mmCIF file of all heavy atoms, coordinates in Angstrom:
data_MODEL
# 
_entry.id   MODEL 
# 
loop_
_atom_site.group_PDB 
_atom_site.id 
_atom_site.type_symbol 
_atom_site.label_atom_id 
_atom_site.label_alt_id 
_atom_site.label_comp_id 
_atom_site.label_asym_id 
_atom_site.label_entity_id 
_atom_site.label_seq_id 
_atom_site.pdbx_PDB_ins_code 
_atom_site.Cartn_x 
_atom_site.Cartn_y 
_atom_site.Cartn_z 
_atom_site.occupancy 
_atom_site.B_iso_or_equiv 
_atom_site.pdbx_formal_charge 
_atom_site.auth_seq_id 
_atom_site.auth_comp_id 
_atom_site.auth_asym_id 
_atom_site.auth_atom_id 
_atom_site.pdbx_PDB_model_num 
ATOM 1   N N   . ARG A 1 1  ? 83.201 47.474 -35.216 1.00 0.00 ? 1  ARG A N   1 
ATOM 2   C CA  . ARG A 1 1  ? 82.676 46.123 -35.306 1.00 0.00 ? 1  ARG A CA  1 
ATOM 3   C C   . ARG A 1 1  ? 81.220 46.149 -35.755 1.00 0.00 ? 1  ARG A C   1 
ATOM 4   O O   . ARG A 1 1  ? 80.778 45.322 -36.560 1.00 0.00 ? 1  ARG A O   1 
ATOM 5   C CB  . ARG A 1 1  ? 82.797 45.419 -33.960 1.00 0.00 ? 1  ARG A CB  1 
ATOM 6   C CG  . ARG A 1 1  ? 82.412 43.939 -34.011 1.00 0.00 ? 1  ARG A CG  1 
ATOM 7   C CD  . ARG A 1 1  ? 82.516 43.265 -32.647 1.00 0.00 ? 1  ARG A CD  1 
ATOM 8   N NE  . ARG A 1 1  ? 83.858 43.356 -32.128 1.00 0.00 ? 1  ARG A NE  1 
ATOM 9   C CZ  . ARG A 1 1  ? 84.204 44.102 -31.072 1.00 0.00 ? 1  ARG A CZ  1 
ATOM 10  N NH1 . ARG A 1 1  ? 83.276 44.849 -30.464 1.00 0.00 ? 1  ARG A NH1 1 
ATOM 11  N NH2 . ARG A 1 1  ? 85.438 44.126 -30.652 1.00 0.00 ? 1  ARG A NH2 1 
ATOM 12  N N   . THR A 1 2  ? 80.458 47.133 -35.223 1.00 0.00 ? 2  THR A N   1 
ATOM 13  C CA  . THR A 1 2  ? 79.058 47.263 -35.639 1.00 0.00 ? 2  THR A CA  1 
ATOM 14  C C   . THR A 1 2  ? 78.958 47.563 -37.134 1.00 0.00 ? 2  THR A C   1 
ATOM 15  O O   . THR A 1 2  ? 78.115 47.000 -37.857 1.00 0.00 ? 2  THR A O   1 
ATOM 16  C CB  . THR A 1 2  ? 78.376 48.367 -34.827 1.00 0.00 ? 2  THR A CB  1 
ATOM 17  O OG1 . THR A 1 2  ? 78.464 48.038 -33.433 1.00 0.00 ? 2  THR A OG1 1 
ATOM 18  C CG2 . THR A 1 2  ? 76.913 48.508 -35.213 1.00 0.00 ? 2  THR A CG2 1 
ATOM 19  N N   . GLN A 1 3  ? 79.838 48.468 -37.612 1.00 0.00 ? 3  GLN A N   1 
ATOM 20  C CA  . GLN A 1 3  ? 79.840 48.791 -39.038 1.00 0.00 ? 3  GLN A CA  1 
ATOM 21  C C   . GLN A 1 3  ? 80.191 47.567 -39.880 1.00 0.00 ? 3  GLN A C   1 
ATOM 22  O O   . GLN A 1 3  ? 79.585 47.304 -40.926 1.00 0.00 ? 3  GLN A O   1 
ATOM 23  C CB  . GLN A 1 3  ? 80.815 49.922 -39.318 1.00 0.00 ? 3  GLN A CB  1 
ATOM 24  C CG  . GLN A 1 3  ? 80.400 51.267 -38.736 1.00 0.00 ? 3  GLN A CG  1 
ATOM 25  C CD  . GLN A 1 3  ? 81.401 52.362 -39.050 1.00 0.00 ? 3  GLN A CD  1 
ATOM 26  O OE1 . GLN A 1 3  ? 82.465 52.102 -39.612 1.00 0.00 ? 3  GLN A OE1 1 
ATOM 27  N NE2 . GLN A 1 3  ? 81.067 53.593 -38.676 1.00 0.00 ? 3  GLN A NE2 1 
ATOM 28  N N   . VAL A 1 4  ? 81.186 46.791 -39.417 1.00 0.00 ? 4  VAL A N   1 
ATOM 29  C CA  . VAL A 1 4  ? 81.583 45.594 -40.157 1.00 0.00 ? 4  VAL A CA  1 
ATOM 30  C C   . VAL A 1 4  ? 80.441 44.581 -40.185 1.00 0.00 ? 4  VAL A C   1 
ATOM 31  O O   . VAL A 1 4  ? 80.152 43.964 -41.228 1.00 0.00 ? 4  VAL A O   1 
ATOM 32  C CB  . VAL A 1 4  ? 82.853 44.984 -39.538 1.00 0.00 ? 4  VAL A CB  1 
ATOM 33  C CG1 . VAL A 1 4  ? 83.144 43.615 -40.159 1.00 0.00 ? 4  VAL A CG1 1 
ATOM 34  C CG2 . VAL A 1 4  ? 84.037 45.913 -39.748 1.00 0.00 ? 4  VAL A CG2 1 
ATOM 35  N N   . MET A 1 5  ? 79.788 44.417 -39.028 1.00 0.00 ? 5  MET A N   1 
ATOM 36  C CA  . MET A 1 5  ? 78.680 43.468 -38.981 1.00 0.00 ? 5  MET A CA  1 
ATOM 37  C C   . MET A 1 5  ? 77.538 43.929 -39.896 1.00 0.00 ? 5  MET A C   1 
ATOM 38  O O   . MET A 1 5  ? 76.898 43.111 -40.582 1.00 0.00 ? 5  MET A O   1 
ATOM 39  C CB  . MET A 1 5  ? 78.168 43.325 -37.544 1.00 0.00 ? 5  MET A CB  1 
ATOM 40  C CG  . MET A 1 5  ? 79.150 42.622 -36.605 1.00 0.00 ? 5  MET A CG  1 
ATOM 41  S SD  . MET A 1 5  ? 78.600 42.607 -34.889 1.00 0.00 ? 5  MET A SD  1 
ATOM 42  C CE  . MET A 1 5  ? 77.101 41.655 -35.039 1.00 0.00 ? 5  MET A CE  1 
ATOM 43  N N   . ARG A 1 6  ? 77.271 45.243 -39.920 1.00 0.00 ? 6  ARG A N   1 
ATOM 44  C CA  . ARG A 1 6  ? 76.223 45.759 -40.801 1.00 0.00 ? 6  ARG A CA  1 
ATOM 45  C C   . ARG A 1 6  ? 76.595 45.511 -42.261 1.00 0.00 ? 6  ARG A C   1 
ATOM 46  O O   . ARG A 1 6  ? 75.771 45.106 -43.082 1.00 0.00 ? 6  ARG A O   1 
ATOM 47  C CB  . ARG A 1 6  ? 76.016 47.251 -40.541 1.00 0.00 ? 6  ARG A CB  1 
ATOM 48  C CG  . ARG A 1 6  ? 74.844 47.832 -41.370 1.00 0.00 ? 6  ARG A CG  1 
ATOM 49  C CD  . ARG A 1 6  ? 74.673 49.330 -41.095 1.00 0.00 ? 6  ARG A CD  1 
ATOM 50  N NE  . ARG A 1 6  ? 74.351 49.580 -39.711 1.00 0.00 ? 6  ARG A NE  1 
ATOM 51  C CZ  . ARG A 1 6  ? 75.172 50.207 -38.873 1.00 0.00 ? 6  ARG A CZ  1 
ATOM 52  N NH1 . ARG A 1 6  ? 76.366 50.617 -39.292 1.00 0.00 ? 6  ARG A NH1 1 
ATOM 53  N NH2 . ARG A 1 6  ? 74.807 50.424 -37.632 1.00 0.00 ? 6  ARG A NH2 1 
ATOM 54  N N   . ALA A 1 7  ? 77.891 45.776 -42.587 1.00 0.00 ? 7  ALA A N   1 
ATOM 55  C CA  . ALA A 1 7  ? 78.349 45.526 -43.949 1.00 0.00 ? 7  ALA A CA  1 
ATOM 56  C C   . ALA A 1 7  ? 78.246 44.045 -44.302 1.00 0.00 ? 7  ALA A C   1 
ATOM 57  O O   . ALA A 1 7  ? 77.861 43.675 -45.421 1.00 0.00 ? 7  ALA A O   1 
ATOM 58  C CB  . ALA A 1 7  ? 79.782 46.022 -44.119 1.00 0.00 ? 7  ALA A CB  1 
ATOM 59  N N   . ASP A 1 8  ? 78.599 43.153 -43.312 1.00 0.00 ? 8  ASP A N   1 
ATOM 60  C CA  . ASP A 1 8  ? 78.491 41.723 -43.562 1.00 0.00 ? 8  ASP A CA  1 
ATOM 61  C C   . ASP A 1 8  ? 77.041 41.316 -43.808 1.00 0.00 ? 8  ASP A C   1 
ATOM 62  O O   . ASP A 1 8  ? 76.739 40.494 -44.689 1.00 0.00 ? 8  ASP A O   1 
ATOM 63  C CB  . ASP A 1 8  ? 79.058 40.938 -42.366 1.00 0.00 ? 8  ASP A CB  1 
ATOM 64  C CG  . ASP A 1 8  ? 80.572 41.046 -42.293 1.00 0.00 ? 8  ASP A CG  1 
ATOM 65  O OD1 . ASP A 1 8  ? 81.178 41.440 -43.298 1.00 0.00 ? 8  ASP A OD1 1 
ATOM 66  O OD2 . ASP A 1 8  ? 81.126 40.740 -41.219 1.00 0.00 ? 8  ASP A OD2 1 
ATOM 67  N N   . ARG A 1 9  ? 76.128 41.897 -43.007 1.00 0.00 ? 9  ARG A N   1 
ATOM 68  C CA  . ARG A 1 9  ? 74.714 41.567 -43.217 1.00 0.00 ? 9  ARG A CA  1 
ATOM 69  C C   . ARG A 1 9  ? 74.228 42.038 -44.585 1.00 0.00 ? 9  ARG A C   1 
ATOM 70  O O   . ARG A 1 9  ? 73.476 41.325 -45.270 1.00 0.00 ? 9  ARG A O   1 
ATOM 71  C CB  . ARG A 1 9  ? 73.864 42.192 -42.101 1.00 0.00 ? 9  ARG A CB  1 
ATOM 72  C CG  . ARG A 1 9  ? 74.004 41.488 -40.767 1.00 0.00 ? 9  ARG A CG  1 
ATOM 73  C CD  . ARG A 1 9  ? 72.875 41.873 -39.834 1.00 0.00 ? 9  ARG A CD  1 
ATOM 74  N NE  . ARG A 1 9  ? 72.885 43.295 -39.524 1.00 0.00 ? 9  ARG A NE  1 
ATOM 75  C CZ  . ARG A 1 9  ? 73.528 43.844 -38.492 1.00 0.00 ? 9  ARG A CZ  1 
ATOM 76  N NH1 . ARG A 1 9  ? 74.221 43.051 -37.680 1.00 0.00 ? 9  ARG A NH1 1 
ATOM 77  N NH2 . ARG A 1 9  ? 73.476 45.140 -38.276 1.00 0.00 ? 9  ARG A NH2 1 
ATOM 78  N N   . LEU A 1 10 ? 74.655 43.249 -44.972 1.00 0.00 ? 10 LEU A N   1 
ATOM 79  C CA  . LEU A 1 10 ? 74.256 43.748 -46.289 1.00 0.00 ? 10 LEU A CA  1 
ATOM 80  C C   . LEU A 1 10 ? 74.833 42.874 -47.402 1.00 0.00 ? 10 LEU A C   1 
ATOM 81  O O   . LEU A 1 10 ? 74.170 42.583 -48.404 1.00 0.00 ? 10 LEU A O   1 
ATOM 82  C CB  . LEU A 1 10 ? 74.713 45.196 -46.460 1.00 0.00 ? 10 LEU A CB  1 
ATOM 83  C CG  . LEU A 1 10 ? 73.981 46.226 -45.575 1.00 0.00 ? 10 LEU A CG  1 
ATOM 84  C CD1 . LEU A 1 10 ? 74.608 47.610 -45.741 1.00 0.00 ? 10 LEU A CD1 1 
ATOM 85  C CD2 . LEU A 1 10 ? 72.493 46.276 -45.942 1.00 0.00 ? 10 LEU A CD2 1 
ATOM 86  N N   . ALA A 1 11 ? 76.099 42.450 -47.217 1.00 0.00 ? 11 ALA A N   1 
ATOM 87  C CA  . ALA A 1 11 ? 76.715 41.584 -48.222 1.00 0.00 ? 11 ALA A CA  1 
ATOM 88  C C   . ALA A 1 11 ? 75.991 40.245 -48.296 1.00 0.00 ? 11 ALA A C   1 
ATOM 89  O O   . ALA A 1 11 ? 75.733 39.699 -49.380 1.00 0.00 ? 11 ALA A O   1 
ATOM 90  C CB  . ALA A 1 11 ? 78.193 41.372 -47.895 1.00 0.00 ? 11 ALA A CB  1 
ATOM 91  N N   . ALA A 1 12 ? 75.647 39.705 -47.105 1.00 0.00 ? 12 ALA A N   1 
ATOM 92  C CA  . ALA A 1 12 ? 74.919 38.441 -47.090 1.00 0.00 ? 12 ALA A CA  1 
ATOM 93  C C   . ALA A 1 12 ? 73.551 38.590 -47.739 1.00 0.00 ? 12 ALA A C   1 
ATOM 94  O O   . ALA A 1 12 ? 73.080 37.703 -48.483 1.00 0.00 ? 12 ALA A O   1 
ATOM 95  C CB  . ALA A 1 12 ? 74.780 37.941 -45.639 1.00 0.00 ? 12 ALA A CB  1 
ATOM 96  N N   . LEU A 1 13 ? 72.909 39.761 -47.431 1.00 0.00 ? 13 LEU A N   1 
ATOM 97  C CA  . LEU A 1 13 ? 71.607 39.995 -48.057 1.00 0.00 ? 13 LEU A CA  1 
ATOM 98  C C   . LEU A 1 13 ? 71.738 40.098 -49.577 1.00 0.00 ? 13 LEU A C   1 
ATOM 99  O O   . LEU A 1 13 ? 70.898 39.590 -50.321 1.00 0.00 ? 13 LEU A O   1 
ATOM 100 C CB  . LEU A 1 13 ? 70.996 41.275 -47.476 1.00 0.00 ? 13 LEU A CB  1 
ATOM 101 C CG  . LEU A 1 13 ? 69.596 41.648 -47.989 1.00 0.00 ? 13 LEU A CG  1 
ATOM 102 C CD1 . LEU A 1 13 ? 68.598 40.536 -47.682 1.00 0.00 ? 13 LEU A CD1 1 
ATOM 103 C CD2 . LEU A 1 13 ? 69.148 42.974 -47.383 1.00 0.00 ? 13 LEU A CD2 1 
ATOM 104 N N   . GLY A 1 14 ? 72.813 40.754 -50.038 1.00 0.00 ? 14 GLY A N   1 
ATOM 105 C CA  . GLY A 1 14 ? 73.049 40.852 -51.480 1.00 0.00 ? 14 GLY A CA  1 
ATOM 106 C C   . GLY A 1 14 ? 73.242 39.492 -52.102 1.00 0.00 ? 14 GLY A C   1 
ATOM 107 O O   . GLY A 1 14 ? 72.694 39.193 -53.182 1.00 0.00 ? 14 GLY A O   1 
ATOM 108 N N   . GLU A 1 15 ? 74.059 38.635 -51.416 1.00 0.00 ? 15 GLU A N   1 
ATOM 109 C CA  . GLU A 1 15 ? 74.259 37.289 -51.935 1.00 0.00 ? 15 GLU A CA  1 
ATOM 110 C C   . GLU A 1 15 ? 72.951 36.504 -51.948 1.00 0.00 ? 15 GLU A C   1 
ATOM 111 O O   . GLU A 1 15 ? 72.655 35.736 -52.868 1.00 0.00 ? 15 GLU A O   1 
ATOM 112 C CB  . GLU A 1 15 ? 75.298 36.564 -51.083 1.00 0.00 ? 15 GLU A CB  1 
ATOM 113 C CG  . GLU A 1 15 ? 76.703 37.136 -51.228 1.00 0.00 ? 15 GLU A CG  1 
ATOM 114 C CD  . GLU A 1 15 ? 77.696 36.377 -50.362 1.00 0.00 ? 15 GLU A CD  1 
ATOM 115 O OE1 . GLU A 1 15 ? 77.281 35.367 -49.734 1.00 0.00 ? 15 GLU A OE1 1 
ATOM 116 O OE2 . GLU A 1 15 ? 78.871 36.783 -50.308 1.00 0.00 ? 15 GLU A OE2 1 
ATOM 117 N N   . LEU A 1 16 ? 72.155 36.707 -50.860 1.00 0.00 ? 16 LEU A N   1 
ATOM 118 C CA  . LEU A 1 16 ? 70.873 36.013 -50.804 1.00 0.00 ? 16 LEU A CA  1 
ATOM 119 C C   . LEU A 1 16 ? 69.961 36.444 -51.949 1.00 0.00 ? 16 LEU A C   1 
ATOM 120 O O   . LEU A 1 16 ? 69.330 35.615 -52.625 1.00 0.00 ? 16 LEU A O   1 
ATOM 121 C CB  . LEU A 1 16 ? 70.207 36.291 -49.450 1.00 0.00 ? 16 LEU A CB  1 
ATOM 122 C CG  . LEU A 1 16 ? 68.815 35.682 -49.236 1.00 0.00 ? 16 LEU A CG  1 
ATOM 123 C CD1 . LEU A 1 16 ? 68.887 34.162 -49.311 1.00 0.00 ? 16 LEU A CD1 1 
ATOM 124 C CD2 . LEU A 1 16 ? 68.227 36.133 -47.910 1.00 0.00 ? 16 LEU A CD2 1 
ATOM 125 N N   . MET A 1 17 ? 69.888 37.735 -52.175 1.00 0.00 ? 17 MET A N   1 
ATOM 126 C CA  . MET A 1 17 ? 69.039 38.231 -53.267 1.00 0.00 ? 17 MET A CA  1 
ATOM 127 C C   . MET A 1 17 ? 69.539 37.739 -54.627 1.00 0.00 ? 17 MET A C   1 
ATOM 128 O O   . MET A 1 17 ? 68.744 37.417 -55.515 1.00 0.00 ? 17 MET A O   1 
ATOM 129 C CB  . MET A 1 17 ? 68.996 39.760 -53.238 1.00 0.00 ? 17 MET A CB  1 
ATOM 130 C CG  . MET A 1 17 ? 68.275 40.346 -52.032 1.00 0.00 ? 17 MET A CG  1 
ATOM 131 S SD  . MET A 1 17 ? 66.534 39.793 -51.919 1.00 0.00 ? 17 MET A SD  1 
ATOM 132 C CE  . MET A 1 17 ? 66.671 38.524 -50.662 1.00 0.00 ? 17 MET A CE  1 
ATOM 133 N N   . ALA A 1 18 ? 70.858 37.720 -54.761 1.00 0.00 ? 18 ALA A N   1 
ATOM 134 C CA  . ALA A 1 18 ? 71.410 37.214 -56.025 1.00 0.00 ? 18 ALA A CA  1 
ATOM 135 C C   . ALA A 1 18 ? 71.041 35.753 -56.230 1.00 0.00 ? 18 ALA A C   1 
ATOM 136 O O   . ALA A 1 18 ? 70.686 35.315 -57.334 1.00 0.00 ? 18 ALA A O   1 
ATOM 137 C CB  . ALA A 1 18 ? 72.927 37.396 -56.035 1.00 0.00 ? 18 ALA A CB  1 
ATOM 138 N N   . GLY A 1 19 ? 71.099 34.965 -55.141 1.00 0.00 ? 19 GLY A N   1 
ATOM 139 C CA  . GLY A 1 19 ? 70.721 33.560 -55.245 1.00 0.00 ? 19 GLY A CA  1 
ATOM 140 C C   . GLY A 1 19 ? 69.251 33.393 -55.555 1.00 0.00 ? 19 GLY A C   1 
ATOM 141 O O   . GLY A 1 19 ? 68.855 32.545 -56.371 1.00 0.00 ? 19 GLY A O   1 
ATOM 142 N N   . VAL A 1 20 ? 68.422 34.210 -54.855 1.00 0.00 ? 20 VAL A N   1 
ATOM 143 C CA  . VAL A 1 20 ? 66.981 34.147 -55.123 1.00 0.00 ? 20 VAL A CA  1 
ATOM 144 C C   . VAL A 1 20 ? 66.695 34.493 -56.572 1.00 0.00 ? 20 VAL A C   1 
ATOM 145 O O   . VAL A 1 20 ? 65.910 33.828 -57.271 1.00 0.00 ? 20 VAL A O   1 
ATOM 146 C CB  . VAL A 1 20 ? 66.220 35.090 -54.157 1.00 0.00 ? 20 VAL A CB  1 
ATOM 147 C CG1 . VAL A 1 20 ? 64.749 35.196 -54.575 1.00 0.00 ? 20 VAL A CG1 1 
ATOM 148 C CG2 . VAL A 1 20 ? 66.335 34.583 -52.719 1.00 0.00 ? 20 VAL A CG2 1 
ATOM 149 N N   . ALA A 1 21 ? 67.324 35.590 -57.056 1.00 0.00 ? 21 ALA A N   1 
ATOM 150 C CA  . ALA A 1 21 ? 67.104 36.003 -58.455 1.00 0.00 ? 21 ALA A CA  1 
ATOM 151 C C   . ALA A 1 21 ? 67.534 34.901 -59.413 1.00 0.00 ? 21 ALA A C   1 
ATOM 152 O O   . ALA A 1 21 ? 66.847 34.615 -60.415 1.00 0.00 ? 21 ALA A O   1 
ATOM 153 C CB  . ALA A 1 21 ? 67.875 37.287 -58.741 1.00 0.00 ? 21 ALA A CB  1 
ATOM 154 N N   . HIS A 1 22 ? 68.650 34.245 -59.111 1.00 0.00 ? 22 HIS A N   1 
ATOM 155 C CA  . HIS A 1 22 ? 69.146 33.185 -59.991 1.00 0.00 ? 22 HIS A CA  1 
ATOM 156 C C   . HIS A 1 22 ? 68.180 31.994 -60.003 1.00 0.00 ? 22 HIS A C   1 
ATOM 157 O O   . HIS A 1 22 ? 67.860 31.437 -61.062 1.00 0.00 ? 22 HIS A O   1 
ATOM 158 C CB  . HIS A 1 22 ? 70.531 32.744 -59.535 1.00 0.00 ? 22 HIS A CB  1 
ATOM 159 C CG  . HIS A 1 22 ? 71.069 31.594 -60.321 1.00 0.00 ? 22 HIS A CG  1 
ATOM 160 N ND1 . HIS A 1 22 ? 71.511 31.719 -61.624 1.00 0.00 ? 22 HIS A ND1 1 
ATOM 161 C CD2 . HIS A 1 22 ? 71.216 30.270 -60.001 1.00 0.00 ? 22 HIS A CD2 1 
ATOM 162 C CE1 . HIS A 1 22 ? 71.919 30.554 -62.077 1.00 0.00 ? 22 HIS A CE1 1 
ATOM 163 N NE2 . HIS A 1 22 ? 71.752 29.645 -61.099 1.00 0.00 ? 22 HIS A NE2 1 
ATOM 164 N N   . GLU A 1 23 ? 67.735 31.609 -58.783 1.00 0.00 ? 23 GLU A N   1 
ATOM 165 C CA  . GLU A 1 23 ? 66.868 30.444 -58.705 1.00 0.00 ? 23 GLU A CA  1 
ATOM 166 C C   . GLU A 1 23 ? 65.504 30.712 -59.349 1.00 0.00 ? 23 GLU A C   1 
ATOM 167 O O   . GLU A 1 23 ? 64.873 29.805 -59.899 1.00 0.00 ? 23 GLU A O   1 
ATOM 168 C CB  . GLU A 1 23 ? 66.684 30.042 -57.226 1.00 0.00 ? 23 GLU A CB  1 
ATOM 169 C CG  . GLU A 1 23 ? 67.938 29.537 -56.562 1.00 0.00 ? 23 GLU A CG  1 
ATOM 170 C CD  . GLU A 1 23 ? 68.437 28.252 -57.206 1.00 0.00 ? 23 GLU A CD  1 
ATOM 171 O OE1 . GLU A 1 23 ? 67.598 27.449 -57.670 1.00 0.00 ? 23 GLU A OE1 1 
ATOM 172 O OE2 . GLU A 1 23 ? 69.663 28.053 -57.242 1.00 0.00 ? 23 GLU A OE2 1 
ATOM 173 N N   . ILE A 1 24 ? 65.028 31.948 -59.251 1.00 0.00 ? 24 ILE A N   1 
ATOM 174 C CA  . ILE A 1 24 ? 63.706 32.269 -59.824 1.00 0.00 ? 24 ILE A CA  1 
ATOM 175 C C   . ILE A 1 24 ? 63.814 32.534 -61.332 1.00 0.00 ? 24 ILE A C   1 
ATOM 176 O O   . ILE A 1 24 ? 62.904 32.207 -62.114 1.00 0.00 ? 24 ILE A O   1 
ATOM 177 C CB  . ILE A 1 24 ? 63.093 33.475 -59.094 1.00 0.00 ? 24 ILE A CB  1 
ATOM 178 C CG1 . ILE A 1 24 ? 62.755 33.085 -57.634 1.00 0.00 ? 24 ILE A CG1 1 
ATOM 179 C CG2 . ILE A 1 24 ? 61.834 33.978 -59.802 1.00 0.00 ? 24 ILE A CG2 1 
ATOM 180 C CD1 . ILE A 1 24 ? 62.222 34.222 -56.809 1.00 0.00 ? 24 ILE A CD1 1 
ATOM 181 N N   . ARG A 1 25 ? 64.931 33.134 -61.764 1.00 0.00 ? 25 ARG A N   1 
ATOM 182 C CA  . ARG A 1 25 ? 65.080 33.489 -63.189 1.00 0.00 ? 25 ARG A CA  1 
ATOM 183 C C   . ARG A 1 25 ? 65.001 32.253 -64.091 1.00 0.00 ? 25 ARG A C   1 
ATOM 184 O O   . ARG A 1 25 ? 64.401 32.284 -65.152 1.00 0.00 ? 25 ARG A O   1 
ATOM 185 C CB  . ARG A 1 25 ? 66.396 34.222 -63.408 1.00 0.00 ? 25 ARG A CB  1 
ATOM 186 C CG  . ARG A 1 25 ? 66.580 34.633 -64.898 1.00 0.00 ? 25 ARG A CG  1 
ATOM 187 C CD  . ARG A 1 25 ? 67.943 35.257 -65.143 1.00 0.00 ? 25 ARG A CD  1 
ATOM 188 N NE  . ARG A 1 25 ? 68.064 36.534 -64.469 1.00 0.00 ? 25 ARG A NE  1 
ATOM 189 C CZ  . ARG A 1 25 ? 68.939 36.753 -63.498 1.00 0.00 ? 25 ARG A CZ  1 
ATOM 190 N NH1 . ARG A 1 25 ? 69.739 35.776 -63.113 1.00 0.00 ? 25 ARG A NH1 1 
ATOM 191 N NH2 . ARG A 1 25 ? 69.008 37.931 -62.923 1.00 0.00 ? 25 ARG A NH2 1 
ATOM 192 N N   . ASN A 1 26 ? 65.618 31.149 -63.648 1.00 0.00 ? 26 ASN A N   1 
ATOM 193 C CA  . ASN A 1 26 ? 65.627 29.957 -64.520 1.00 0.00 ? 26 ASN A CA  1 
ATOM 194 C C   . ASN A 1 26 ? 64.218 29.424 -64.809 1.00 0.00 ? 26 ASN A C   1 
ATOM 195 O O   . ASN A 1 26 ? 63.838 29.213 -65.980 1.00 0.00 ? 26 ASN A O   1 
ATOM 196 C CB  . ASN A 1 26 ? 66.494 28.864 -63.896 1.00 0.00 ? 26 ASN A CB  1 
ATOM 197 C CG  . ASN A 1 26 ? 67.963 29.237 -63.920 1.00 0.00 ? 26 ASN A CG  1 
ATOM 198 O OD1 . ASN A 1 26 ? 68.393 30.047 -64.762 1.00 0.00 ? 26 ASN A OD1 1 
ATOM 199 N ND2 . ASN A 1 26 ? 68.750 28.656 -63.021 1.00 0.00 ? 26 ASN A ND2 1 
ATOM 200 N N   . PRO A 1 27 ? 63.387 29.187 -63.765 1.00 0.00 ? 27 PRO A N   1 
ATOM 201 C CA  . PRO A 1 27 ? 62.014 28.737 -64.092 1.00 0.00 ? 27 PRO A CA  1 
ATOM 202 C C   . PRO A 1 27 ? 61.226 29.785 -64.862 1.00 0.00 ? 27 PRO A C   1 
ATOM 203 O O   . PRO A 1 27 ? 60.448 29.441 -65.775 1.00 0.00 ? 27 PRO A O   1 
ATOM 204 C CB  . PRO A 1 27 ? 61.397 28.490 -62.716 1.00 0.00 ? 27 PRO A CB  1 
ATOM 205 C CG  . PRO A 1 27 ? 62.545 28.262 -61.804 1.00 0.00 ? 27 PRO A CG  1 
ATOM 206 C CD  . PRO A 1 27 ? 63.637 29.135 -62.318 1.00 0.00 ? 27 PRO A CD  1 
# 
């Protein structure tokens, strides 16, 4: 469960970074 939660956090962080990159890239 700890490994899954860590993987989920990493995936969420990846999605967050992707969103940040997308939002910043346009301006």
